[in-house]
């Protein structure tokens, strides 16, 4: 009976290990696929732009995440995995720090977009920064406390090398709570601003309304996708066995990476979308817009009747310029 029970446990463990491997592979495919289908936009909108904080954040989010998922898959599917406990512990530390870093970068990108949405209001910025520091600090503290307690094994079953976390604290799921709370706060700020815009200023210029629509749409979509992914990981950490704890982490990192990149690309592409779809409704008297042109002119968009935004060029997320050419009658 003991042998049968042990055999059943081993079969279940192998199944969980395979599920984790394939889940990681699936999340990696999401990152690689999104990279390929948006590479042309990246070349046009990022590589050709000036260096800014937004560009640096985009490149780190894009390429560090890409490199990490490739390395992680090589390790997970390796048949020559080291049986050293110290190797597995270092692997867990690297995975944890990478996941938190990618999530943090995506949150900074969204935070900067909301800063633009609130017309560069410093009070809102300081409030978001304070909440961001508390959120990341709490998550990092919980992660650190877990990592010093966890142990590992890489050869629980002959022929199935896999770093399995052992002695994981039952409260590890709390790691996701500060991140979920901060994402909910940012989404709430976006919805509050959306309500204010479309209730108070129905006569906003079409281009301004279009930009605000993009900012709010992307913020809400980002929240829904990332919240669902983080919450799924919270449930896995709360109810799952050690063999499946890593099955959802890859998706959390993949969604943060993909959505963070899309936040940057979508706002940088706004002027070209306006030109293609609504240029006849935008007040651009004497202005000719060119997709590949670069200069120092700007198109002002009046919001709330008092603040002129320059299509969010003041925000470090984008380094966009609009070319002004005199039209000869």
C-alpha atoms as a PDB file:
ATOM      1  CA  UNK A   1       0.000   0.000   0.000  1.00  0.00           C
ATOM      2  CA  UNK A   2       2.855   2.341   0.833  1.00  0.00           C
ATOM      3  CA  UNK A   3       4.517   1.568  -2.487  1.00  0.00           C
ATOM      4  CA  UNK A   4       1.312   2.233  -4.398  1.00  0.00           C
ATOM      5  CA  UNK A   5       0.831   5.507  -2.534  1.00  0.00           C
ATOM      6  CA  UNK A   6       4.416   6.537  -3.260  1.00  0.00           C
ATOM      7  CA  UNK A   7       4.003   5.644  -6.927  1.00  0.00           C
ATOM      8  CA  UNK A   8       0.801   7.693  -7.172  1.00  0.00           C
ATOM      9  CA  UNK A   9       2.519  10.651  -5.527  1.00  0.00           C
ATOM     10  CA  UNK A  10       5.435  10.409  -7.951  1.00  0.00           C
ATOM     11  CA  UNK A  11       3.111  10.268 -10.955  1.00  0.00           C
ATOM     12  CA  UNK A  12       1.227  13.306  -9.679  1.00  0.00           C
ATOM     13  CA  UNK A  13       4.498  15.169  -9.126  1.00  0.00           C
ATOM     14  CA  UNK A  14       5.729  14.391 -12.650  1.00  0.00           C
ATOM     15  CA  UNK A  15       2.397  15.618 -14.021  1.00  0.00           C
ATOM     16  CA  UNK A  16       2.703  18.876 -12.064  1.00  0.00           C
ATOM     17  CA  UNK A  17       6.275  19.386 -13.268  1.00  0.00           C
ATOM     18  CA  UNK A  18       5.215  18.903 -16.882  1.00  0.00           C
ATOM     19  CA  UNK A  19       2.293  21.296 -16.422  1.00  0.00           C
ATOM     20  CA  UNK A  20       4.663  23.939 -15.059  1.00  0.00           C
ATOM     21  CA  UNK A  21       7.088  23.459 -17.941  1.00  0.00           C
ATOM     22  CA  UNK A  22       4.427  23.758 -20.609  1.00  0.00           C
ATOM     23  CA  UNK A  23       2.811  26.721 -18.874  1.00  0.00           C
ATOM     24  CA  UNK A  24       6.176  28.490 -18.901  1.00  0.00           C
ATOM     25  CA  UNK A  25       6.628  27.606 -22.568  1.00  0.00           C
ATOM     26  CA  UNK A  26       3.161  28.961 -23.421  1.00  0.00           C
ATOM     27  CA  UNK A  27       3.816  32.248 -21.617  1.00  0.00           C
ATOM     28  CA  UNK A  28       7.158  32.569 -23.396  1.00  0.00           C
ATOM     29  CA  UNK A  29       5.466  32.112 -26.765  1.00  0.00           C
ATOM     30  CA  UNK A  30       3.161  35.027 -25.907  1.00  0.00           C
ATOM     31  CA  UNK A  31       6.171  37.288 -25.297  1.00  0.00           C
ATOM     32  CA  UNK A  32       8.002  36.180 -28.460  1.00  0.00           C
ATOM     33  CA  UNK A  33       4.892  36.375 -30.646  1.00  0.00           C
ATOM     34  CA  UNK A  34       4.042  39.882 -29.450  1.00  0.00           C
ATOM     35  CA  UNK A  35       7.639  40.928 -30.044  1.00  0.00           C
ATOM     36  CA  UNK A  36       7.515  39.708 -33.642  1.00  0.00           C
ATOM     37  CA  UNK A  37       4.161  41.254 -34.594  1.00  0.00           C
ATOM     38  CA  UNK A  38       5.070  44.649 -33.134  1.00  0.00           C
ATOM     39  CA  UNK A  39       8.697  44.772 -34.280  1.00  0.00           C
ATOM     40  CA  UNK A  40       7.875  47.104 -37.175  1.00  0.00           C
ATOM     41  CA  UNK A  41       6.190  49.549 -34.784  1.00  0.00           C
ATOM     42  CA  UNK A  42       9.137  49.315 -32.418  1.00  0.00           C
ATOM     43  CA  UNK A  43      11.592  50.164 -35.195  1.00  0.00           C
ATOM     44  CA  UNK A  44       9.502  53.112 -36.387  1.00  0.00           C
ATOM     45  CA  UNK A  45       8.381  54.532 -33.061  1.00  0.00           C
ATOM     46  CA  UNK A  46      11.139  53.567 -30.622  1.00  0.00           C
ATOM     47  CA  UNK A  47      14.429  53.031 -32.401  1.00  0.00           C
ATOM     48  CA  UNK A  48      14.138  56.245 -34.411  1.00  0.00           C
ATOM     49  CA  UNK A  49      13.156  58.387 -31.425  1.00  0.00           C
ATOM     50  CA  UNK A  50      15.399  60.333 -29.079  1.00  0.00           C
ATOM     51  CA  UNK A  51      16.597  58.748 -25.843  1.00  0.00           C
ATOM     52  CA  UNK A  52      14.194  59.382 -22.966  1.00  0.00           C
ATOM     53  CA  UNK A  53      13.166  57.655 -19.757  1.00  0.00           C
ATOM     54  CA  UNK A  54      10.231  56.169 -21.632  1.00  0.00           C
ATOM     55  CA  UNK A  55      12.489  54.668 -24.288  1.00  0.00           C
ATOM     56  CA  UNK A  56      14.825  53.186 -21.668  1.00  0.00           C
ATOM     57  CA  UNK A  57      11.884  51.667 -19.770  1.00  0.00           C
ATOM     58  CA  UNK A  58      10.494  50.218 -22.989  1.00  0.00           C
ATOM     59  CA  UNK A  59      13.777  48.587 -24.005  1.00  0.00           C
ATOM     60  CA  UNK A  60      14.397  47.098 -20.549  1.00  0.00           C
ATOM     61  CA  UNK A  61      10.823  45.834 -20.358  1.00  0.00           C
ATOM     62  CA  UNK A  62      11.024  44.441 -23.874  1.00  0.00           C
ATOM     63  CA  UNK A  63      14.425  42.811 -24.041  1.00  0.00           C
ATOM     64  CA  UNK A  64      15.204  41.837 -20.463  1.00  0.00           C
ATOM     65  CA  UNK A  65      11.888  40.005 -20.287  1.00  0.00           C
ATOM     66  CA  UNK A  66      12.570  38.357 -23.658  1.00  0.00           C
ATOM     67  CA  UNK A  67      16.033  37.211 -22.570  1.00  0.00           C
ATOM     68  CA  UNK A  68      14.764  35.975 -19.213  1.00  0.00           C
ATOM     69  CA  UNK A  69      11.974  33.815 -20.662  1.00  0.00           C
ATOM     70  CA  UNK A  70      14.421  32.221 -23.104  1.00  0.00           C
ATOM     71  CA  UNK A  71      16.895  31.463 -20.302  1.00  0.00           C
ATOM     72  CA  UNK A  72      14.155  30.190 -18.025  1.00  0.00           C
ATOM     73  CA  UNK A  73      12.883  27.759 -20.656  1.00  0.00           C
ATOM     74  CA  UNK A  74      16.375  26.475 -21.304  1.00  0.00           C
ATOM     75  CA  UNK A  75      16.723  25.732 -17.601  1.00  0.00           C
ATOM     76  CA  UNK A  76      13.272  24.201 -17.171  1.00  0.00           C
ATOM     77  CA  UNK A  77      13.639  21.841 -20.127  1.00  0.00           C
ATOM     78  CA  UNK A  78      17.297  21.037 -19.538  1.00  0.00           C
ATOM     79  CA  UNK A  79      18.160  17.380 -19.023  1.00  0.00           C
ATOM     80  CA  UNK A  80      21.475  18.292 -17.419  1.00  0.00           C
ATOM     81  CA  UNK A  81      20.187  20.387 -14.558  1.00  0.00           C
ATOM     82  CA  UNK A  82      22.545  20.683 -11.655  1.00  0.00           C
ATOM     83  CA  UNK A  83      21.507  18.703  -8.594  1.00  0.00           C
ATOM     84  CA  UNK A  84      22.994  21.394  -6.361  1.00  0.00           C
ATOM     85  CA  UNK A  85      20.560  22.877  -3.875  1.00  0.00           C
ATOM     86  CA  UNK A  86      22.442  26.174  -4.044  1.00  0.00           C
ATOM     87  CA  UNK A  87      21.857  26.305  -7.815  1.00  0.00           C
ATOM     88  CA  UNK A  88      18.116  25.878  -7.346  1.00  0.00           C
ATOM     89  CA  UNK A  89      18.034  28.533  -4.633  1.00  0.00           C
ATOM     90  CA  UNK A  90      19.888  30.984  -6.877  1.00  0.00           C
ATOM     91  CA  UNK A  91      17.462  30.146  -9.660  1.00  0.00           C
ATOM     92  CA  UNK A  92      14.480  30.914  -7.425  1.00  0.00           C
ATOM     93  CA  UNK A  93      16.075  34.211  -6.378  1.00  0.00           C
ATOM     94  CA  UNK A  94      16.702  35.211  -9.991  1.00  0.00           C
ATOM     95  CA  UNK A  95      13.168  34.264 -11.051  1.00  0.00           C
ATOM     96  CA  UNK A  96      11.654  36.193  -8.151  1.00  0.00           C
ATOM     97  CA  UNK A  97      13.708  39.338  -8.775  1.00  0.00           C
ATOM     98  CA  UNK A  98      13.041  39.176 -12.522  1.00  0.00           C
ATOM     99  CA  UNK A  99       9.298  38.851 -12.048  1.00  0.00           C
ATOM    100  CA  UNK A 100       9.178  41.759  -9.618  1.00  0.00           C
ATOM    101  CA  UNK A 101      11.385  43.903 -11.878  1.00  0.00           C
ATOM    102  CA  UNK A 102       9.243  43.352 -14.991  1.00  0.00           C
ATOM    103  CA  UNK A 103       6.079  44.044 -13.012  1.00  0.00           C
ATOM    104  CA  UNK A 104       7.602  47.198 -11.534  1.00  0.00           C
ATOM    105  CA  UNK A 105       8.668  48.570 -14.922  1.00  0.00           C
ATOM    106  CA  UNK A 106       5.191  48.024 -16.372  1.00  0.00           C
ATOM    107  CA  UNK A 107       3.667  49.831 -13.374  1.00  0.00           C
ATOM    108  CA  UNK A 108       6.045  52.782 -13.847  1.00  0.00           C
ATOM    109  CA  UNK A 109       5.010  53.038 -17.508  1.00  0.00           C
ATOM    110  CA  UNK A 110       1.338  53.070 -16.524  1.00  0.00           C
ATOM    111  CA  UNK A 111       2.042  55.564 -13.731  1.00  0.00           C
ATOM    112  CA  UNK A 112       3.653  57.983 -16.202  1.00  0.00           C
ATOM    113  CA  UNK A 113       0.681  57.682 -18.534  1.00  0.00           C
ATOM    114  CA  UNK A 114      -1.678  58.568 -15.714  1.00  0.00           C
ATOM    115  CA  UNK A 115       0.581  61.497 -14.826  1.00  0.00           C
ATOM    116  CA  UNK A 116       0.014  62.727 -18.373  1.00  0.00           C
ATOM    117  CA  UNK A 117      -3.715  62.040 -18.137  1.00  0.00           C
ATOM    118  CA  UNK A 118      -3.863  64.270 -15.060  1.00  0.00           C
ATOM    119  CA  UNK A 119      -2.166  67.097 -16.961  1.00  0.00           C
ATOM    120  CA  UNK A 120       1.185  66.641 -15.193  1.00  0.00           C
ATOM    121  CA  UNK A 121      -0.365  67.300 -11.768  1.00  0.00           C
ATOM    122  CA  UNK A 122       2.440  66.954  -9.219  1.00  0.00           C
ATOM    123  CA  UNK A 123       0.104  66.151  -6.341  1.00  0.00           C
ATOM    124  CA  UNK A 124      -1.277  63.194  -8.238  1.00  0.00           C
ATOM    125  CA  UNK A 125       2.251  62.158  -9.173  1.00  0.00           C
ATOM    126  CA  UNK A 126       3.464  62.257  -5.555  1.00  0.00           C
ATOM    127  CA  UNK A 127       0.390  60.322  -4.419  1.00  0.00           C
ATOM    128  CA  UNK A 128       0.988  57.620  -7.042  1.00  0.00           C
ATOM    129  CA  UNK A 129       4.702  57.481  -6.232  1.00  0.00           C
ATOM    130  CA  UNK A 130       3.972  57.049  -2.525  1.00  0.00           C
ATOM    131  CA  UNK A 131       1.515  54.231  -3.250  1.00  0.00           C
ATOM    132  CA  UNK A 132       4.006  52.698  -5.691  1.00  0.00           C
ATOM    133  CA  UNK A 133       6.810  52.699  -3.118  1.00  0.00           C
ATOM    134  CA  UNK A 134       4.558  51.146  -0.476  1.00  0.00           C
ATOM    135  CA  UNK A 135       3.301  48.501  -2.902  1.00  0.00           C
ATOM    136  CA  UNK A 136       6.676  47.472  -4.311  1.00  0.00           C
ATOM    137  CA  UNK A 137       8.304  47.705  -0.885  1.00  0.00           C
ATOM    138  CA  UNK A 138       5.684  45.428   0.674  1.00  0.00           C
ATOM    139  CA  UNK A 139       5.915  42.903  -2.180  1.00  0.00           C
ATOM    140  CA  UNK A 140       9.732  42.928  -2.061  1.00  0.00           C
ATOM    141  CA  UNK A 141       9.699  42.441   1.723  1.00  0.00           C
ATOM    142  CA  UNK A 142       7.360  39.462   1.510  1.00  0.00           C
ATOM    143  CA  UNK A 143       9.448  38.011  -1.301  1.00  0.00           C
ATOM    144  CA  UNK A 144      12.649  38.420   0.691  1.00  0.00           C
ATOM    145  CA  UNK A 145      11.162  36.767   3.774  1.00  0.00           C
ATOM    146  CA  UNK A 146      10.012  33.819   1.675  1.00  0.00           C
ATOM    147  CA  UNK A 147      13.338  33.373  -0.107  1.00  0.00           C
ATOM    148  CA  UNK A 148      15.292  33.131   3.149  1.00  0.00           C
ATOM    149  CA  UNK A 149      12.931  30.406   4.381  1.00  0.00           C
ATOM    150  CA  UNK A 150      12.478  28.295   1.257  1.00  0.00           C
ATOM    151  CA  UNK A 151      14.617  25.273   0.448  1.00  0.00           C
ATOM    152  CA  UNK A 152      14.923  23.322  -2.788  1.00  0.00           C
ATOM    153  CA  UNK A 153      15.578  19.985  -4.427  1.00  0.00           C
ATOM    154  CA  UNK A 154      16.412  19.262  -8.054  1.00  0.00           C
ATOM    155  CA  UNK A 155      16.463  15.452  -8.212  1.00  0.00           C
ATOM    156  CA  UNK A 156      13.367  14.259  -6.406  1.00  0.00           C
ATOM    157  CA  UNK A 157      12.712  11.752  -9.203  1.00  0.00           C
ATOM    158  CA  UNK A 158      15.344   9.935 -11.264  1.00  0.00           C
ATOM    159  CA  UNK A 159      15.419  11.198 -14.860  1.00  0.00           C
ATOM    160  CA  UNK A 160      13.187  14.205 -14.120  1.00  0.00           C
ATOM    161  CA  UNK A 161      15.520  17.090 -13.209  1.00  0.00           C
ATOM    162  CA  UNK A 162      13.517  19.991 -11.858  1.00  0.00           C
ATOM    163  CA  UNK A 163      14.091  22.616  -9.188  1.00  0.00           C
ATOM    164  CA  UNK A 164      11.202  22.135  -6.784  1.00  0.00           C
ATOM    165  CA  UNK A 165      10.628  24.656  -3.969  1.00  0.00           C
ATOM    166  CA  UNK A 166      10.230  23.117  -0.534  1.00  0.00           C
ATOM    167  CA  UNK A 167       9.140  24.554   2.822  1.00  0.00           C
ATOM    168  CA  UNK A 168       7.266  27.385   1.115  1.00  0.00           C
ATOM    169  CA  UNK A 169       5.424  29.502   3.741  1.00  0.00           C
ATOM    170  CA  UNK A 170       1.657  29.215   3.601  1.00  0.00           C
ATOM    171  CA  UNK A 171       1.379  33.026   3.514  1.00  0.00           C
ATOM    172  CA  UNK A 172       3.408  33.415   0.295  1.00  0.00           C
ATOM    173  CA  UNK A 173       0.170  34.291  -1.542  1.00  0.00           C
ATOM    174  CA  UNK A 174       0.204  37.677   0.230  1.00  0.00           C
ATOM    175  CA  UNK A 175       2.977  38.710  -2.173  1.00  0.00           C
ATOM    176  CA  UNK A 176       0.323  39.451  -4.801  1.00  0.00           C
ATOM    177  CA  UNK A 177      -1.942  41.550  -2.575  1.00  0.00           C
ATOM    178  CA  UNK A 178       0.103  44.819  -2.647  1.00  0.00           C
ATOM    179  CA  UNK A 179       0.499  44.532  -6.426  1.00  0.00           C
ATOM    180  CA  UNK A 180      -3.225  43.953  -6.914  1.00  0.00           C
ATOM    181  CA  UNK A 181      -4.036  46.884  -4.634  1.00  0.00           C
ATOM    182  CA  UNK A 182      -1.748  49.243  -6.542  1.00  0.00           C
ATOM    183  CA  UNK A 183      -3.097  48.143  -9.936  1.00  0.00           C
ATOM    184  CA  UNK A 184      -6.634  48.740  -8.636  1.00  0.00           C
ATOM    185  CA  UNK A 185      -5.637  52.217  -7.455  1.00  0.00           C
ATOM    186  CA  UNK A 186      -4.233  53.155 -10.864  1.00  0.00           C
ATOM    187  CA  UNK A 187      -7.313  51.831 -12.629  1.00  0.00           C
ATOM    188  CA  UNK A 188      -9.526  53.830 -10.268  1.00  0.00           C
ATOM    189  CA  UNK A 189      -7.568  57.006 -11.028  1.00  0.00           C
ATOM    190  CA  UNK A 190      -7.954  56.382 -14.759  1.00  0.00           C
ATOM    191  CA  UNK A 191     -11.714  55.873 -14.457  1.00  0.00           C
ATOM    192  CA  UNK A 192     -12.109  58.989 -12.294  1.00  0.00           C
ATOM    193  CA  UNK A 193     -10.264  61.045 -14.886  1.00  0.00           C
ATOM    194  CA  UNK A 194     -12.327  59.523 -17.686  1.00  0.00           C
ATOM    195  CA  UNK A 195     -15.547  60.458 -15.926  1.00  0.00           C
ATOM    196  CA  UNK A 196     -14.296  64.003 -15.419  1.00  0.00           C
ATOM    197  CA  UNK A 197     -13.212  64.457 -19.026  1.00  0.00           C
ATOM    198  CA  UNK A 198     -16.328  63.230 -20.735  1.00  0.00           C
ATOM    199  CA  UNK A 199     -18.725  64.844 -18.296  1.00  0.00           C
ATOM    200  CA  UNK A 200     -17.170  68.303 -18.123  1.00  0.00           C
ATOM    201  CA  UNK A 201     -15.700  68.797 -21.579  1.00  0.00           C
ATOM    202  CA  UNK A 202     -17.937  67.371 -24.299  1.00  0.00           C
ATOM    203  CA  UNK A 203     -16.524  69.917 -26.769  1.00  0.00           C
ATOM    204  CA  UNK A 204     -12.894  68.798 -26.481  1.00  0.00           C
ATOM    205  CA  UNK A 205     -11.062  68.802 -29.793  1.00  0.00           C
ATOM    206  CA  UNK A 206     -11.404  65.472 -31.577  1.00  0.00           C
ATOM    207  CA  UNK A 207      -7.646  64.840 -31.428  1.00  0.00           C
ATOM    208  CA  UNK A 208      -7.590  65.525 -27.696  1.00  0.00           C
ATOM    209  CA  UNK A 209     -10.561  63.265 -27.086  1.00  0.00           C
ATOM    210  CA  UNK A 210      -8.916  60.568 -29.189  1.00  0.00           C
ATOM    211  CA  UNK A 211      -5.703  60.687 -27.138  1.00  0.00           C
ATOM    212  CA  UNK A 212      -7.648  60.584 -23.875  1.00  0.00           C
ATOM    213  CA  UNK A 213      -9.630  57.623 -25.205  1.00  0.00           C
ATOM    214  CA  UNK A 214      -6.402  55.779 -25.985  1.00  0.00           C
ATOM    215  CA  UNK A 215      -4.929  56.514 -22.551  1.00  0.00           C
ATOM    216  CA  UNK A 216      -8.046  55.420 -20.680  1.00  0.00           C
ATOM    217  CA  UNK A 217      -8.727  52.410 -22.892  1.00  0.00           C
ATOM    218  CA  UNK A 218      -5.205  51.061 -22.523  1.00  0.00           C
ATOM    219  CA  UNK A 219      -5.140  51.714 -18.782  1.00  0.00           C
ATOM    220  CA  UNK A 220      -8.372  49.777 -18.224  1.00  0.00           C
ATOM    221  CA  UNK A 221      -7.382  46.915 -20.547  1.00  0.00           C
ATOM    222  CA  UNK A 222      -3.996  46.713 -18.833  1.00  0.00           C
ATOM    223  CA  UNK A 223      -5.702  46.538 -15.462  1.00  0.00           C
ATOM    224  CA  UNK A 224      -8.185  43.825 -16.454  1.00  0.00           C
ATOM    225  CA  UNK A 225      -5.525  41.571 -17.977  1.00  0.00           C
ATOM    226  CA  UNK A 226      -2.861  42.084 -15.318  1.00  0.00           C
ATOM    227  CA  UNK A 227      -5.353  41.895 -12.438  1.00  0.00           C
ATOM    228  CA  UNK A 228      -6.737  38.597 -13.744  1.00  0.00           C
ATOM    229  CA  UNK A 229      -3.215  37.180 -14.095  1.00  0.00           C
ATOM    230  CA  UNK A 230      -2.073  38.316 -10.659  1.00  0.00           C
ATOM    231  CA  UNK A 231      -5.264  37.087  -9.020  1.00  0.00           C
ATOM    232  CA  UNK A 232      -4.875  33.689 -10.681  1.00  0.00           C
ATOM    233  CA  UNK A 233      -1.367  33.477  -9.244  1.00  0.00           C
ATOM    234  CA  UNK A 234      -2.690  34.429  -5.806  1.00  0.00           C
ATOM    235  CA  UNK A 235      -5.176  31.533  -5.987  1.00  0.00           C
ATOM    236  CA  UNK A 236      -2.427  29.129  -7.157  1.00  0.00           C
ATOM    237  CA  UNK A 237      -0.138  30.201  -4.320  1.00  0.00           C
ATOM    238  CA  UNK A 238      -2.996  29.851  -1.833  1.00  0.00           C
ATOM    239  CA  UNK A 239      -4.325  26.448  -2.918  1.00  0.00           C
ATOM    240  CA  UNK A 240      -1.678  24.827  -5.126  1.00  0.00           C
ATOM    241  CA  UNK A 241       1.055  22.351  -4.275  1.00  0.00           C
ATOM    242  CA  UNK A 242       4.764  23.282  -4.534  1.00  0.00           C
ATOM    243  CA  UNK A 243       4.973  21.568  -7.921  1.00  0.00           C
ATOM    244  CA  UNK A 244       2.594  24.050  -9.575  1.00  0.00           C
ATOM    245  CA  UNK A 245       3.590  27.280  -7.845  1.00  0.00           C
ATOM    246  CA  UNK A 246       5.611  28.410 -10.852  1.00  0.00           C
ATOM    247  CA  UNK A 247       2.926  27.563 -13.431  1.00  0.00           C
ATOM    248  CA  UNK A 248       1.333  31.013 -13.340  1.00  0.00           C
ATOM    249  CA  UNK A 249       4.389  33.194 -12.748  1.00  0.00           C
ATOM    250  CA  UNK A 250       5.406  33.038 -16.403  1.00  0.00           C
ATOM    251  CA  UNK A 251       2.021  34.406 -17.461  1.00  0.00           C
ATOM    252  CA  UNK A 252       2.241  37.219 -14.904  1.00  0.00           C
ATOM    253  CA  UNK A 253       5.595  38.296 -16.297  1.00  0.00           C
ATOM    254  CA  UNK A 254       4.462  37.824 -19.902  1.00  0.00           C
ATOM    255  CA  UNK A 255       1.337  39.941 -19.441  1.00  0.00           C
ATOM    256  CA  UNK A 256       3.254  42.690 -17.646  1.00  0.00           C
ATOM    257  CA  UNK A 257       5.860  42.721 -20.414  1.00  0.00           C
ATOM    258  CA  UNK A 258       3.391  42.659 -23.316  1.00  0.00           C
ATOM    259  CA  UNK A 259       0.996  45.200 -21.839  1.00  0.00           C
ATOM    260  CA  UNK A 260       3.834  47.513 -20.797  1.00  0.00           C
ATOM    261  CA  UNK A 261       5.183  47.479 -24.343  1.00  0.00           C
ATOM    262  CA  UNK A 262       1.733  48.088 -25.812  1.00  0.00           C
ATOM    263  CA  UNK A 263       1.194  51.061 -23.493  1.00  0.00           C
ATOM    264  CA  UNK A 264       4.278  52.710 -24.965  1.00  0.00           C
ATOM    265  CA  UNK A 265       3.654  51.794 -28.606  1.00  0.00           C
ATOM    266  CA  UNK A 266      -0.015  52.782 -28.641  1.00  0.00           C
ATOM    267  CA  UNK A 267       0.519  56.304 -27.327  1.00  0.00           C
ATOM    268  CA  UNK A 268       3.461  56.910 -29.656  1.00  0.00           C
ATOM    269  CA  UNK A 269       1.339  55.833 -32.605  1.00  0.00           C
ATOM    270  CA  UNK A 270      -1.523  58.219 -31.775  1.00  0.00           C
ATOM    271  CA  UNK A 271      -0.562  61.073 -34.152  1.00  0.00           C
ATOM    272  CA  UNK A 272      -0.399  58.672 -37.082  1.00  0.00           C
ATOM    273  CA  UNK A 273      -3.787  57.178 -36.253  1.00  0.00           C
ATOM    274  CA  UNK A 274      -5.250  60.676 -36.000  1.00  0.00           C
ATOM    275  CA  UNK A 275      -3.790  61.520 -39.388  1.00  0.00           C
ATOM    276  CA  UNK A 276      -5.251  58.390 -40.936  1.00  0.00           C
ATOM    277  CA  UNK A 277      -8.735  58.550 -39.409  1.00  0.00           C
ATOM    278  CA  UNK A 278      -9.648  61.959 -38.024  1.00  0.00           C
ATOM    279  CA  UNK A 279      -7.339  64.521 -39.578  1.00  0.00           C
ATOM    280  CA  UNK A 280     -10.261  66.309 -41.197  1.00  0.00           C
ATOM    281  CA  UNK A 281     -11.756  67.017 -37.752  1.00  0.00           C
ATOM    282  CA  UNK A 282      -8.616  68.302 -36.061  1.00  0.00           C
ATOM    283  CA  UNK A 283      -7.829  71.988 -35.937  1.00  0.00           C
ATOM    284  CA  UNK A 284      -4.477  71.938 -37.714  1.00  0.00           C
ATOM    285  CA  UNK A 285      -4.653  75.100 -39.780  1.00  0.00           C
ATOM    286  CA  UNK A 286      -1.390  75.627 -41.594  1.00  0.00           C
ATOM    287  CA  UNK A 287       0.045  72.390 -40.279  1.00  0.00           C
ATOM    288  CA  UNK A 288       1.070  69.395 -42.371  1.00  0.00           C
ATOM    289  CA  UNK A 289       1.755  66.163 -40.518  1.00  0.00           C
ATOM    290  CA  UNK A 290       4.149  63.538 -41.854  1.00  0.00           C
ATOM    291  CA  UNK A 291       4.607  60.068 -40.390  1.00  0.00           C
ATOM    292  CA  UNK A 292       8.335  60.058 -40.896  1.00  0.00           C
ATOM    293  CA  UNK A 293       8.962  63.740 -40.270  1.00  0.00           C
ATOM    294  CA  UNK A 294      10.680  65.085 -37.189  1.00  0.00           C
ATOM    295  CA  UNK A 295      10.958  68.661 -35.946  1.00  0.00           C
ATOM    296  CA  UNK A 296      10.301  70.759 -32.869  1.00  0.00           C
ATOM    297  CA  UNK A 297       6.763  71.931 -33.577  1.00  0.00           C
ATOM    298  CA  UNK A 298       3.824  70.738 -31.484  1.00  0.00           C
ATOM    299  CA  UNK A 299       0.068  70.593 -31.774  1.00  0.00           C
ATOM    300  CA  UNK A 300      -1.688  71.851 -28.657  1.00  0.00           C
ATOM    301  CA  UNK A 301      -4.796  70.182 -27.336  1.00  0.00           C
ATOM    302  CA  UNK A 302      -6.913  72.099 -24.833  1.00  0.00           C
ATOM    303  CA  UNK A 303      -8.206  70.058 -21.927  1.00  0.00           C
ATOM    304  CA  UNK A 304     -10.614  71.395 -19.312  1.00  0.00           C
ATOM    305  CA  UNK A 305     -10.304  74.831 -20.870  1.00  0.00           C
ATOM    306  CA  UNK A 306      -7.183  75.766 -18.949  1.00  0.00           C
ATOM    307  CA  UNK A 307      -4.266  73.483 -19.708  1.00  0.00           C
ATOM    308  CA  UNK A 308      -2.754  72.935 -23.151  1.00  0.00           C
ATOM    309  CA  UNK A 309      -1.311  69.478 -23.625  1.00  0.00           C
ATOM    310  CA  UNK A 310       1.133  68.862 -26.452  1.00  0.00           C
ATOM    311  CA  UNK A 311      -0.174  65.402 -27.251  1.00  0.00           C
ATOM    312  CA  UNK A 312       1.666  64.254 -24.110  1.00  0.00           C
ATOM    313  CA  UNK A 313       5.056  65.062 -25.514  1.00  0.00           C
ATOM    314  CA  UNK A 314       5.979  66.467 -22.114  1.00  0.00           C
ATOM    315  CA  UNK A 315       5.724  62.971 -20.693  1.00  0.00           C
ATOM    316  CA  UNK A 316       8.932  60.955 -20.853  1.00  0.00           C
ATOM    317  CA  UNK A 317       7.022  58.033 -22.328  1.00  0.00           C
ATOM    318  CA  UNK A 318       7.367  59.488 -25.808  1.00  0.00           C
ATOM    319  CA  UNK A 319       9.754  61.685 -27.713  1.00  0.00           C
ATOM    320  CA  UNK A 320       7.538  62.711 -30.520  1.00  0.00           C
ATOM    321  CA  UNK A 321       7.794  65.739 -32.759  1.00  0.00           C
ATOM    322  CA  UNK A 322       5.396  67.203 -35.308  1.00  0.00           C
ATOM    323  CA  UNK A 323       6.704  68.809 -38.461  1.00  0.00           C
ATOM    324  CA  UNK A 324       5.241  72.178 -39.437  1.00  0.00           C
ATOM    325  CA  UNK A 325       5.352  73.083 -43.093  1.00  0.00           C
ATOM    326  CA  UNK A 326       3.950  76.290 -44.522  1.00  0.00           C
ATOM    327  CA  UNK A 327       1.248  75.565 -47.063  1.00  0.00           C
ATOM    328  CA  UNK A 328       1.593  77.622 -50.222  1.00  0.00           C
ATOM    329  CA  UNK A 329      -1.682  78.874 -51.469  1.00  0.00           C
END
